[in-house]
Amino acid sequence: RHQLVHVTSESLQEAWRWVLGLSPGGSTNTLAALRLALADGEVQAVYLLTDGRPDQPPEGILAQVQLLKHIPIHTISFNCGDSQANRFLHQLAEDTSGRDHYFSEDALDIDGPQPFQSEDICLLR
């Protein structure tokens, strides 16, 4: 979608179906995605789902984000085994008071930062 939607059971299910239909490919224009999300005057938080290293230098993205609207950016590394990319996502979340999440069908990125784990996940183990 090109605009914000209210969080409902239906919108969450629609988002989950969209994620399940994703396949990796192309570039990762992280800065453009963040600029678009942060340009919306009503946005209260951003969830950045990515599978790889950004096209732009991570330091430049971190600096640019500091100049934009300050809201939490929650990062989600999706099947990304690139430790450098995962460290960038962790730093982006930390710098904006967001949470860093990591999902992989293989395993944790042992060289990357430790992602946020909710109490629910801990109770399931």
Protein backbone atom coordinates (compact mmCIF):
# COMPACT_ATOMS: atom_id res chain seq x y z
CA ARG A 1 0.00 0.00 0.00
CA HIS A 2 1.06 3.56 -0.53
CA GLN A 3 -0.50 4.93 2.63
CA LEU A 4 -0.93 4.11 6.29
CA VAL A 5 -3.56 1.63 7.36
CA HIS A 6 -5.05 1.07 10.80
CA VAL A 7 -3.90 -2.05 12.62
CA THR A 8 -6.70 -4.59 12.60
CA SER A 9 -6.82 -8.36 12.45
CA GLU A 10 -7.68 -8.08 8.77
CA SER A 11 -4.84 -5.65 7.91
CA LEU A 12 -2.34 -7.83 9.81
CA GLN A 13 -3.46 -10.93 7.91
CA GLU A 14 -3.22 -9.02 4.62
CA ALA A 15 0.30 -7.88 5.49
CA TRP A 16 1.31 -11.44 6.41
CA ARG A 17 -0.02 -12.77 3.09
CA TRP A 18 1.98 -10.07 1.31
CA VAL A 19 5.19 -11.04 3.16
CA LEU A 20 4.67 -14.71 2.35
CA GLY A 21 4.46 -13.82 -1.34
CA LEU A 22 7.79 -11.97 -1.35
CA SER A 23 10.85 -13.35 -3.04
CA PRO A 24 14.33 -11.82 -2.95
CA GLY A 25 15.64 -10.01 -5.96
CA GLY A 26 16.68 -6.64 -7.22
CA SER A 27 18.25 -3.89 -5.19
CA THR A 28 17.75 -2.71 -1.62
CA ASN A 29 17.07 1.03 -1.70
CA THR A 30 16.76 1.43 2.06
CA LEU A 31 17.15 5.20 2.11
CA ALA A 32 14.32 5.79 -0.40
CA ALA A 33 12.04 3.44 1.55
CA LEU A 34 12.73 5.26 4.81
CA ARG A 35 12.26 8.69 3.24
CA LEU A 36 8.90 7.61 1.82
CA ALA A 37 7.73 6.16 5.14
CA LEU A 38 8.91 9.13 7.21
CA ALA A 39 7.36 11.67 4.82
CA ASP A 40 3.88 10.66 5.98
CA GLY A 41 2.84 13.14 8.66
CA GLU A 42 0.76 10.55 10.53
CA VAL A 43 3.36 7.78 10.77
CA GLN A 44 4.13 6.77 14.37
CA ALA A 45 6.61 3.97 13.69
CA VAL A 46 8.25 2.24 10.73
CA TYR A 47 8.81 -1.49 10.25
CA LEU A 48 11.65 -2.03 7.80
CA LEU A 49 11.66 -5.59 6.44
CA THR A 50 14.71 -6.40 4.34
CA ASP A 51 16.72 -9.36 3.11
CA GLY A 52 20.05 -7.72 2.49
CA ARG A 53 22.60 -4.96 2.59
CA PRO A 54 21.39 -1.50 1.54
CA ASP A 55 22.50 -0.04 -1.80
CA GLN A 56 23.71 3.10 -0.04
CA PRO A 57 26.54 3.25 2.51
CA PRO A 58 25.06 2.38 5.92
CA GLU A 59 26.78 5.38 7.57
CA GLY A 60 25.04 7.72 5.13
CA ILE A 61 21.64 6.22 5.84
CA LEU A 62 22.17 6.50 9.60
CA ALA A 63 23.16 10.18 9.21
CA GLN A 64 20.20 10.96 6.92
CA VAL A 65 17.70 9.33 9.28
CA GLN A 66 18.89 11.62 12.08
CA LEU A 67 17.85 14.60 9.93
CA LEU A 68 14.37 13.23 9.25
CA LYS A 69 11.37 12.86 11.55
CA HIS A 70 12.47 11.07 14.73
CA ILE A 71 10.22 8.06 15.23
CA PRO A 72 11.03 4.43 16.06
CA ILE A 73 12.27 2.37 13.15
CA HIS A 74 11.84 -1.31 13.90
CA THR A 75 14.07 -3.43 11.69
CA ILE A 76 13.42 -6.98 10.57
CA SER A 77 16.21 -8.94 8.94
CA PHE A 78 14.52 -11.62 6.83
CA ASN A 79 16.70 -14.57 5.81
CA CYS A 80 19.77 -12.35 5.72
CA GLY A 81 23.06 -14.05 6.51
CA ASP A 82 25.08 -10.87 5.93
CA SER A 83 26.54 -9.89 9.32
CA GLN A 84 27.41 -6.37 8.17
CA ALA A 85 23.83 -5.77 7.02
CA ASN A 86 22.48 -7.16 10.29
CA ARG A 87 24.77 -4.87 12.32
CA PHE A 88 23.51 -1.88 10.29
CA LEU A 89 19.88 -2.83 10.94
CA HIS A 90 20.60 -3.24 14.65
CA GLN A 91 22.24 0.22 14.75
CA LEU A 92 19.36 1.81 12.82
CA ALA A 93 16.84 0.43 15.31
CA GLU A 94 18.98 1.42 18.28
CA ASP A 95 19.53 4.98 16.99
CA THR A 96 15.78 5.54 16.56
CA SER A 97 14.57 3.78 19.74
CA GLY A 98 13.21 0.94 17.66
CA ARG A 99 13.63 -2.82 18.01
CA ASP A 100 15.80 -5.05 15.86
CA HIS A 101 14.30 -8.40 14.84
CA TYR A 102 15.86 -11.29 12.98
CA PHE A 103 14.18 -14.16 11.15
CA SER A 104 15.96 -16.89 9.27
CA GLU A 105 14.89 -20.32 8.17
CA ASP A 106 18.49 -21.44 8.67
CA ALA A 107 19.73 -20.10 12.00
CA LEU A 108 20.81 -16.95 13.82
CA ASP A 109 23.62 -14.88 12.37
CA ILE A 110 26.21 -15.86 14.95
CA ASP A 111 28.50 -12.98 13.96
CA GLY A 112 25.69 -10.41 14.05
CA PRO A 113 24.13 -8.52 16.95
CA GLN A 114 21.61 -10.17 19.23
CA PRO A 115 18.10 -9.19 18.05
CA PHE A 116 15.25 -8.19 20.36
CA GLN A 117 13.33 -11.16 21.75
CA SER A 118 9.90 -10.64 23.22
CA GLU A 119 8.84 -12.33 26.42
CA ASP A 120 6.45 -14.50 24.37
CA ILE A 121 9.33 -15.99 22.36
CA CYS A 122 11.31 -16.69 25.52
CA LEU A 123 8.32 -18.46 27.09
CA LEU A 124 7.96 -20.71 24.03
CA ARG A 125 11.49 -22.08 24.44
